[in-house]
């Protein structure tokens, strides 16, 4: 199957755009004589081309001067013009600091720093790029977790996804990159600053622009109190297992605008998502995947600390019954200071002659529960030795063949 060229995908991101009512200018064909161009301008065919300066709207000299639009000032624009991106030292420093490929232009990098709350125009903000980058981050992160840890429960998988590509994690990555925030967005600010608009005091970020005390309870707020199972979270919730909010954006002068954010975390997360989406558009899938491997998946995450078993001994018994193992038996391995104030007991859980887990505690029951917990973690945190993800095969497998991954039958439901 023939593949689409990447330069055609990213062509529209490199085009200059105008802030006027009509972002195009009319230009007559050059093959007509100079003397007849002015008289036949109304009937001659025209070519739609984009203006060189995004803050101006140029027209042919035959059009009267009173019809020319007034050039807007920088303080009247919601975001910096595209022409100032090349002259920004912060943007060039960020491009070099992150070792971004040369195929990613400075103009697109500047667009990733403009949040939709600062500039509602979708041609100049990063909302479309962030939507693409969010899907890419979620796909590669879930692929990494499922292929390397095929027995993870869904609750732990949702928590691990949030720890890798959640809003707080992406906001921390933005701070590590040294991206600074702007106090108030506008056309006169440096394009290398993260531009977003904060929520005014007293306004509920999930409401319709009214104070929080006057907000009416919606269906999503009632649904948050319902008991939601794993199946409901997988089907209806987002990639982190959180309830999706469908609150409408506040209105300003009869026109819908983007809902502001209370902190910089949401804007920072949108910037990272938009940057990954821009890399995918301009440099290809391999570059976006490699960038995520270096900046997202390379971070250390202790998966064993995410587990929280309520009844580990019962879960271990059900696991052994399902897998056909002998029933687990707790045995005392060693003890010290039984009659002292600080005794220590070491208990192991065995299935036949195989030891499943071991734990220490101040009492026999505590040591038995910790041993069962260690046995369950050893089962769920199993990782195959040789893992080949589907994305690696798409980029080119070293062995030239597909290596199937392990698919587990699922977690224990008690």
Protein backbone atom coordinates (compact mmCIF):
# COMPACT_ATOMS: atom_id res chain seq x y z
CA UNK A 1 0.00 0.00 0.00
CA UNK A 2 1.32 3.41 -0.98
CA UNK A 3 2.14 5.70 1.95
CA UNK A 4 1.32 9.40 2.19
CA UNK A 5 4.28 11.76 2.09
CA UNK A 6 5.00 13.49 5.39
CA UNK A 7 5.80 16.81 3.76
CA UNK A 8 2.22 16.98 2.49
CA UNK A 9 0.88 16.39 6.00
CA UNK A 10 2.90 19.21 7.54
CA UNK A 11 2.54 21.70 4.69
CA UNK A 12 -0.40 23.54 6.26
CA UNK A 13 1.50 24.05 9.54
CA UNK A 14 4.24 25.95 7.70
CA UNK A 15 1.87 28.30 5.83
CA UNK A 16 1.60 31.89 6.99
CA UNK A 17 -1.85 33.04 8.00
CA UNK A 18 -3.51 36.41 8.36
CA UNK A 19 -5.54 37.74 11.26
CA UNK A 20 -7.95 39.62 9.00
CA UNK A 21 -11.46 38.63 8.05
CA UNK A 22 -10.14 37.11 4.83
CA UNK A 23 -6.74 35.47 5.24
CA UNK A 24 -6.04 35.52 1.51
CA UNK A 25 -5.15 38.13 -1.06
CA UNK A 26 -6.08 38.32 -4.73
CA UNK A 27 -3.25 38.36 -7.24
CA UNK A 28 -3.82 38.53 -11.01
CA UNK A 29 -2.09 36.19 -13.43
CA UNK A 30 1.33 37.34 -14.57
CA UNK A 31 0.80 36.31 -18.19
CA UNK A 32 -1.51 39.28 -18.87
CA UNK A 33 -0.03 42.59 -20.10
CA UNK A 34 0.67 45.24 -17.50
CA UNK A 35 -1.58 47.80 -19.22
CA UNK A 36 -4.63 45.55 -19.21
CA UNK A 37 -4.27 44.12 -15.73
CA UNK A 38 -5.93 47.07 -14.00
CA UNK A 39 -8.86 47.29 -16.42
CA UNK A 40 -9.54 43.56 -16.51
CA UNK A 41 -8.94 42.86 -12.82
CA UNK A 42 -12.59 42.23 -12.02
CA UNK A 43 -13.01 39.65 -14.78
CA UNK A 44 -9.57 38.03 -14.75
CA UNK A 45 -9.04 34.81 -12.85
CA UNK A 46 -7.25 35.11 -9.54
CA UNK A 47 -4.94 32.98 -7.46
CA UNK A 48 -5.42 32.62 -3.71
CA UNK A 49 -2.08 33.02 -1.95
CA UNK A 50 -1.17 33.59 1.66
CA UNK A 51 0.34 36.83 2.84
CA UNK A 52 4.00 36.99 3.83
CA UNK A 53 3.34 38.96 7.01
CA UNK A 54 0.66 37.32 9.18
CA UNK A 55 -0.35 40.67 10.69
CA UNK A 56 -1.09 42.40 7.38
CA UNK A 57 -3.49 41.85 4.50
CA UNK A 58 -1.93 43.03 1.21
CA UNK A 59 -3.92 43.66 -1.98
CA UNK A 60 -3.03 44.73 -5.54
CA UNK A 61 -2.34 48.39 -6.21
CA UNK A 62 -5.46 48.68 -8.36
CA UNK A 63 -7.70 48.43 -5.30
CA UNK A 64 -8.49 51.85 -3.75
CA UNK A 65 -6.64 52.72 -0.57
CA UNK A 66 -9.83 53.11 1.44
CA UNK A 67 -10.59 49.41 1.02
CA UNK A 68 -7.27 48.32 2.56
CA UNK A 69 -7.59 46.92 6.04
CA UNK A 70 -5.78 48.56 8.89
CA UNK A 71 -2.72 46.72 10.17
CA UNK A 72 -3.42 45.56 13.73
CA UNK A 73 -1.02 46.42 16.51
CA UNK A 74 0.84 43.77 18.46
CA UNK A 75 -1.03 44.51 21.68
CA UNK A 76 -4.33 43.87 19.86
CA UNK A 77 -3.38 40.30 18.86
CA UNK A 78 -4.17 37.39 21.21
CA UNK A 79 -0.86 35.64 20.40
CA UNK A 80 2.46 36.65 18.81
CA UNK A 81 2.56 36.71 14.99
CA UNK A 82 4.24 33.89 13.14
CA UNK A 83 6.95 36.14 11.72
CA UNK A 84 8.42 36.77 15.19
CA UNK A 85 9.05 33.09 15.88
CA UNK A 86 12.33 32.95 13.97
CA UNK A 87 13.72 35.91 15.91
CA UNK A 88 12.96 34.45 19.36
CA UNK A 89 16.06 33.36 21.27
CA UNK A 90 13.97 31.33 23.74
CA UNK A 91 12.45 29.25 20.95
CA UNK A 92 15.82 28.50 19.36
CA UNK A 93 17.26 27.60 22.76
CA UNK A 94 14.32 25.27 23.49
CA UNK A 95 14.69 23.65 20.07
CA UNK A 96 18.37 22.97 20.72
CA UNK A 97 17.88 21.95 24.38
CA UNK A 98 15.40 19.20 23.47
CA UNK A 99 17.52 18.05 20.48
CA UNK A 100 14.52 18.37 18.19
CA UNK A 101 15.02 17.37 14.54
CA UNK A 102 15.65 20.04 11.96
CA UNK A 103 12.46 19.01 10.15
CA UNK A 104 10.43 20.53 12.98
CA UNK A 105 10.32 24.28 12.15
CA UNK A 106 10.49 27.04 14.71
CA UNK A 107 7.06 28.32 13.65
CA UNK A 108 5.37 25.06 14.61
CA UNK A 109 7.27 24.95 17.91
CA UNK A 110 5.94 28.43 18.68
CA UNK A 111 2.41 27.25 17.93
CA UNK A 112 2.71 24.42 20.44
CA UNK A 113 3.25 27.04 23.18
CA UNK A 114 -0.07 28.83 22.49
CA UNK A 115 -2.94 27.38 24.51
CA UNK A 116 -6.52 27.66 23.29
CA UNK A 117 -7.39 29.80 26.31
CA UNK A 118 -4.93 32.44 25.08
CA UNK A 119 -5.92 32.34 21.40
CA UNK A 120 -9.33 30.81 20.55
CA UNK A 121 -8.49 30.69 16.83
CA UNK A 122 -7.78 27.01 15.98
CA UNK A 123 -5.37 28.11 13.23
CA UNK A 124 -2.97 29.61 15.79
CA UNK A 125 -3.38 27.53 18.99
CA UNK A 126 -2.15 24.03 19.77
CA UNK A 127 -5.51 22.30 20.26
CA UNK A 128 -5.35 20.20 17.07
CA UNK A 129 -1.73 19.18 17.63
CA UNK A 130 -2.46 18.35 21.29
CA UNK A 131 -5.33 16.08 20.26
CA UNK A 132 -3.00 14.12 18.00
CA UNK A 133 -0.21 14.06 20.58
CA UNK A 134 -2.56 12.83 23.31
CA UNK A 135 -3.52 9.81 21.20
CA UNK A 136 0.15 9.07 20.43
CA UNK A 137 1.23 9.35 24.06
CA UNK A 138 -1.62 7.15 25.24
CA UNK A 139 -0.97 4.51 22.58
CA UNK A 140 2.78 4.14 23.10
CA UNK A 141 2.49 4.24 26.91
CA UNK A 142 -0.26 1.62 27.07
CA UNK A 143 1.62 -0.51 24.56
CA UNK A 144 4.76 -0.38 26.71
CA UNK A 145 2.92 -1.29 29.90
CA UNK A 146 0.77 -4.06 28.44
CA UNK A 147 3.64 -5.72 26.56
CA UNK A 148 6.16 -5.54 29.42
CA UNK A 149 3.66 -6.27 32.23
CA UNK A 150 0.85 -8.35 30.68
CA UNK A 151 -0.72 -9.28 34.04
CA UNK A 152 -1.28 -5.77 35.42
CA UNK A 153 -4.77 -5.16 36.86
CA UNK A 154 -6.79 -2.39 35.23
CA UNK A 155 -6.66 -0.15 38.32
CA UNK A 156 -2.87 -0.35 38.39
CA UNK A 157 -2.72 0.19 34.61
CA UNK A 158 -4.82 3.35 34.90
CA UNK A 159 -2.60 4.64 37.72
CA UNK A 160 0.56 3.86 35.76
CA UNK A 161 -0.81 5.68 32.71
CA UNK A 162 -1.52 8.75 34.85
CA UNK A 163 1.96 8.55 36.37
CA UNK A 164 3.58 8.54 32.93
CA UNK A 165 1.43 10.84 30.76
CA UNK A 166 -1.02 12.40 33.21
CA UNK A 167 -1.39 16.20 33.50
CA UNK A 168 0.81 16.43 36.59
CA UNK A 169 3.53 14.24 35.05
CA UNK A 170 3.58 16.27 31.83
CA UNK A 171 3.61 19.51 33.83
CA UNK A 172 6.68 18.26 35.72
CA UNK A 173 8.35 17.45 32.39
CA UNK A 174 7.63 20.99 31.16
CA UNK A 175 9.31 22.46 34.24
CA UNK A 176 12.33 20.22 33.74
CA UNK A 177 12.64 21.51 30.18
CA UNK A 178 12.88 25.07 31.50
CA UNK A 179 9.75 26.43 29.81
CA UNK A 180 8.62 29.70 31.40
CA UNK A 181 5.06 31.00 31.69
CA UNK A 182 3.76 34.34 30.54
CA UNK A 183 1.88 36.55 32.99
CA UNK A 184 -0.71 37.69 30.43
CA UNK A 185 -0.94 36.42 26.82
CA UNK A 186 -0.80 38.86 23.94
CA UNK A 187 0.84 39.65 20.64
CA UNK A 188 3.74 41.56 22.17
CA UNK A 189 5.07 38.72 24.37
CA UNK A 190 7.99 36.50 23.48
CA UNK A 191 6.87 33.49 21.37
CA UNK A 192 9.13 31.26 23.47
CA UNK A 193 6.89 31.57 26.55
CA UNK A 194 3.98 29.28 27.38
CA UNK A 195 0.86 31.37 26.84
CA UNK A 196 -2.43 30.59 28.57
CA UNK A 197 -5.15 32.47 30.42
CA UNK A 198 -5.91 31.70 34.06
CA UNK A 199 -9.35 31.46 35.61
CA UNK A 200 -10.51 34.66 37.33
CA UNK A 201 -11.01 34.44 41.10
CA UNK A 202 -14.44 33.21 42.18
CA UNK A 203 -15.22 31.38 38.93
CA UNK A 204 -15.73 27.63 38.96
CA UNK A 205 -13.50 26.04 36.30
CA UNK A 206 -16.11 23.31 35.63
CA UNK A 207 -19.11 25.63 35.54
CA UNK A 208 -20.68 27.99 33.03
CA UNK A 209 -18.87 31.10 34.22
CA UNK A 210 -20.95 31.52 37.36
CA UNK A 211 -19.62 31.29 40.91
CA UNK A 212 -19.20 27.84 42.39
CA UNK A 213 -21.97 28.44 44.95
CA UNK A 214 -24.53 29.01 42.14
CA UNK A 215 -23.50 26.06 40.00
CA UNK A 216 -26.22 23.50 39.32
CA UNK A 217 -25.44 19.83 39.73
CA UNK A 218 -25.20 18.06 36.38
CA UNK A 219 -25.39 14.45 35.32
CA UNK A 220 -21.59 14.00 35.48
CA UNK A 221 -21.55 15.18 39.10
CA UNK A 222 -24.29 12.70 39.99
CA UNK A 223 -22.48 9.96 38.10
CA UNK A 224 -19.36 10.56 40.18
CA UNK A 225 -21.22 9.25 43.24
CA UNK A 226 -22.38 6.07 41.53
CA UNK A 227 -20.54 2.83 41.99
CA UNK A 228 -18.55 2.37 38.75
CA UNK A 229 -16.93 -0.95 37.94
CA UNK A 230 -13.88 -1.70 35.83
CA UNK A 231 -15.97 -2.29 32.70
CA UNK A 232 -17.62 1.12 33.02
CA UNK A 233 -14.26 2.83 33.48
CA UNK A 234 -12.82 1.11 30.41
CA UNK A 235 -15.75 1.95 28.13
CA UNK A 236 -16.97 5.36 29.29
CA UNK A 237 -14.04 7.03 31.06
CA UNK A 238 -10.82 8.53 29.71
CA UNK A 239 -7.45 6.81 29.31
CA UNK A 240 -6.70 7.35 33.03
CA UNK A 241 -9.96 5.83 34.26
CA UNK A 242 -11.34 9.21 35.33
CA UNK A 243 -14.87 10.40 34.73
CA UNK A 244 -15.19 12.47 31.57
CA UNK A 245 -16.56 15.95 32.11
CA UNK A 246 -18.81 17.46 29.44
CA UNK A 247 -19.26 20.90 30.97
CA UNK A 248 -19.80 23.62 28.39
CA UNK A 249 -17.29 26.40 27.92
CA UNK A 250 -18.12 29.87 29.32
CA UNK A 251 -19.56 32.50 27.01
CA UNK A 252 -18.14 35.98 26.44
CA UNK A 253 -20.27 38.48 24.59
CA UNK A 254 -22.51 35.80 23.11
CA UNK A 255 -19.51 33.84 21.76
CA UNK A 256 -18.23 30.55 23.14
CA UNK A 257 -14.63 30.69 24.29
CA UNK A 258 -12.30 28.05 25.64
CA UNK A 259 -12.56 27.29 29.33
CA UNK A 260 -9.58 28.74 31.24
CA UNK A 261 -7.45 26.63 33.53
CA UNK A 262 -6.89 27.29 37.20
CA UNK A 263 -3.21 26.33 37.21
CA UNK A 264 -0.44 25.96 34.67
CA UNK A 265 -0.61 22.16 34.81
CA UNK A 266 -3.27 21.82 32.13
CA UNK A 267 -1.52 24.26 29.77
CA UNK A 268 1.83 22.54 30.34
CA UNK A 269 0.31 19.15 29.57
CA UNK A 270 -1.24 20.52 26.38
CA UNK A 271 2.16 21.86 25.32
CA UNK A 272 3.86 18.46 25.70
CA UNK A 273 1.04 16.72 23.83
CA UNK A 274 1.17 19.30 21.04
CA UNK A 275 4.95 18.92 20.74
CA UNK A 276 4.64 15.14 20.29
CA UNK A 277 1.91 15.70 17.71
CA UNK A 278 4.08 18.19 15.84
CA UNK A 279 6.96 15.73 15.80
CA UNK A 280 4.68 13.06 14.35
CA UNK A 281 3.47 15.41 11.61
CA UNK A 282 6.82 16.86 10.56
CA UNK A 283 9.39 14.15 11.41
CA UNK A 284 7.34 10.95 11.28
CA UNK A 285 6.23 8.18 13.61
CA UNK A 286 9.73 6.99 14.49
CA UNK A 287 10.83 10.43 15.69
CA UNK A 288 7.73 10.87 17.89
CA UNK A 289 8.18 7.41 19.39
CA UNK A 290 11.87 7.97 20.09
CA UNK A 291 11.10 11.33 21.71
CA UNK A 292 8.56 9.70 24.03
CA UNK A 293 10.99 6.93 24.91
CA UNK A 294 13.64 9.47 25.95
CA UNK A 295 11.46 11.95 27.83
CA UNK A 296 8.45 9.96 29.12
CA UNK A 297 9.05 6.21 29.33
CA UNK A 298 12.64 6.64 30.53
CA UNK A 299 11.37 8.01 33.84
CA UNK A 300 11.53 5.62 36.80
CA UNK A 301 8.17 4.37 38.08
CA UNK A 302 7.83 1.99 41.03
CA UNK A 303 4.88 -0.13 39.99
CA UNK A 304 4.95 -2.23 43.16
CA UNK A 305 4.04 0.85 45.23
CA UNK A 306 0.80 1.33 43.28
CA UNK A 307 -0.79 -1.95 44.38
CA UNK A 308 -3.30 -1.82 47.22
CA UNK A 309 -4.83 -5.21 48.10
CA UNK A 310 -7.74 -5.26 50.53
CA UNK A 311 -7.85 -9.04 51.06
CA UNK A 312 -4.53 -10.44 49.78
CA UNK A 313 -4.92 -13.88 51.39
CA UNK A 314 -8.31 -14.43 49.77
CA UNK A 315 -7.06 -13.16 46.40
CA UNK A 316 -4.08 -15.51 46.56
CA UNK A 317 -6.34 -18.48 47.30
CA UNK A 318 -8.57 -17.64 44.32
CA UNK A 319 -5.51 -17.23 42.10
CA UNK A 320 -4.15 -20.64 43.03
CA UNK A 321 -7.57 -22.20 42.46
CA UNK A 322 -7.87 -20.66 39.01
CA UNK A 323 -4.37 -21.63 37.90
CA UNK A 324 -4.62 -25.17 39.25
CA UNK A 325 -1.97 -24.77 41.96
CA UNK A 326 -2.11 -26.35 45.37
CA UNK A 327 -3.83 -24.21 48.04
CA UNK A 328 -1.41 -21.70 49.64
CA UNK A 329 -0.14 -22.47 53.13
CA UNK A 330 1.60 -19.97 55.45
CA UNK A 331 4.62 -21.29 57.35
CA UNK A 332 6.84 -19.63 59.91
CA UNK A 333 10.39 -19.35 58.63
CA UNK A 334 12.09 -17.55 61.52
CA UNK A 335 11.34 -15.36 64.50
CA UNK A 336 13.13 -13.22 67.05
CA UNK A 337 12.06 -11.52 70.28
CA UNK A 338 8.70 -13.24 70.69
CA UNK A 339 8.45 -12.17 74.32
CA UNK A 340 9.98 -8.70 73.80
CA UNK A 341 8.34 -5.40 72.94
CA UNK A 342 9.48 -5.53 69.29
CA UNK A 343 9.16 -9.09 67.96
CA UNK A 344 9.87 -9.89 64.30
CA UNK A 345 8.30 -12.85 62.50
CA UNK A 346 9.23 -14.00 59.00
CA UNK A 347 6.46 -15.96 57.29
CA UNK A 348 6.47 -17.61 53.87
CA UNK A 349 3.52 -18.64 51.72
CA UNK A 350 3.97 -22.00 49.99
CA UNK A 351 2.04 -23.83 47.31
CA UNK A 352 3.23 -27.36 47.68
CA UNK A 353 7.02 -27.17 47.67
CA UNK A 354 7.16 -23.83 45.85
CA UNK A 355 7.50 -20.67 47.90
CA UNK A 356 5.24 -17.94 46.45
CA UNK A 357 6.17 -15.06 48.74
CA UNK A 358 7.78 -14.01 51.98
CA UNK A 359 7.03 -11.23 54.45
CA UNK A 360 8.11 -9.92 57.86
CA UNK A 361 5.98 -8.28 60.52
CA UNK A 362 5.50 -7.58 64.21
CA UNK A 363 2.86 -10.31 64.44
CA UNK A 364 2.11 -13.57 62.72
CA UNK A 365 -0.98 -12.19 60.99
CA UNK A 366 0.87 -9.13 59.71
CA UNK A 367 3.70 -11.26 58.37
CA UNK A 368 1.21 -13.64 56.71
CA UNK A 369 -0.62 -10.74 54.97
CA UNK A 370 2.67 -9.24 53.76
CA UNK A 371 3.76 -12.61 52.43
CA UNK A 372 0.50 -13.00 50.49
CA UNK A 373 0.90 -9.45 49.15
CA UNK A 374 4.43 -10.21 47.98
CA UNK A 375 3.19 -13.36 46.24
CA UNK A 376 0.46 -11.41 44.40
CA UNK A 377 2.91 -8.70 43.35
CA UNK A 378 5.27 -11.34 42.03
CA UNK A 379 2.46 -12.72 39.89
CA UNK A 380 1.11 -9.41 38.55
CA UNK A 381 4.54 -7.83 37.95
CA UNK A 382 5.76 -10.67 35.80
CA UNK A 383 7.65 -9.38 32.73
CA UNK A 384 8.76 -11.54 29.78
CA UNK A 385 12.45 -11.63 28.95
CA UNK A 386 12.26 -10.80 25.23
CA UNK A 387 9.56 -8.24 24.40
CA UNK A 388 8.86 -6.90 20.91
CA UNK A 389 6.16 -4.23 20.71
CA UNK A 390 4.05 -3.74 17.57
CA UNK A 391 5.50 -0.26 17.04
CA UNK A 392 9.02 -1.72 16.86
CA UNK A 393 7.91 -4.04 14.07
CA UNK A 394 6.43 -1.11 12.17
CA UNK A 395 9.73 0.75 12.42
CA UNK A 396 11.69 -2.36 11.39
CA UNK A 397 12.35 -5.47 13.47
CA UNK A 398 16.00 -6.45 13.92
CA UNK A 399 15.25 -10.15 13.38
CA UNK A 400 12.89 -9.48 10.52
CA UNK A 401 9.98 -11.35 12.06
CA UNK A 402 7.14 -10.73 14.49
CA UNK A 403 7.51 -12.12 18.01
CA UNK A 404 4.09 -12.61 19.67
CA UNK A 405 3.61 -11.15 23.13
CA UNK A 406 2.05 -12.84 26.10
CA UNK A 407 -1.68 -12.26 26.62
CA UNK A 408 -2.87 -13.03 30.15
CA UNK A 409 -6.36 -14.26 30.96
CA UNK A 410 -6.99 -11.37 33.38
CA UNK A 411 -6.85 -10.38 37.00
CA UNK A 412 -8.51 -12.10 39.95
CA UNK A 413 -12.02 -10.81 40.70
CA UNK A 414 -13.17 -11.54 44.25
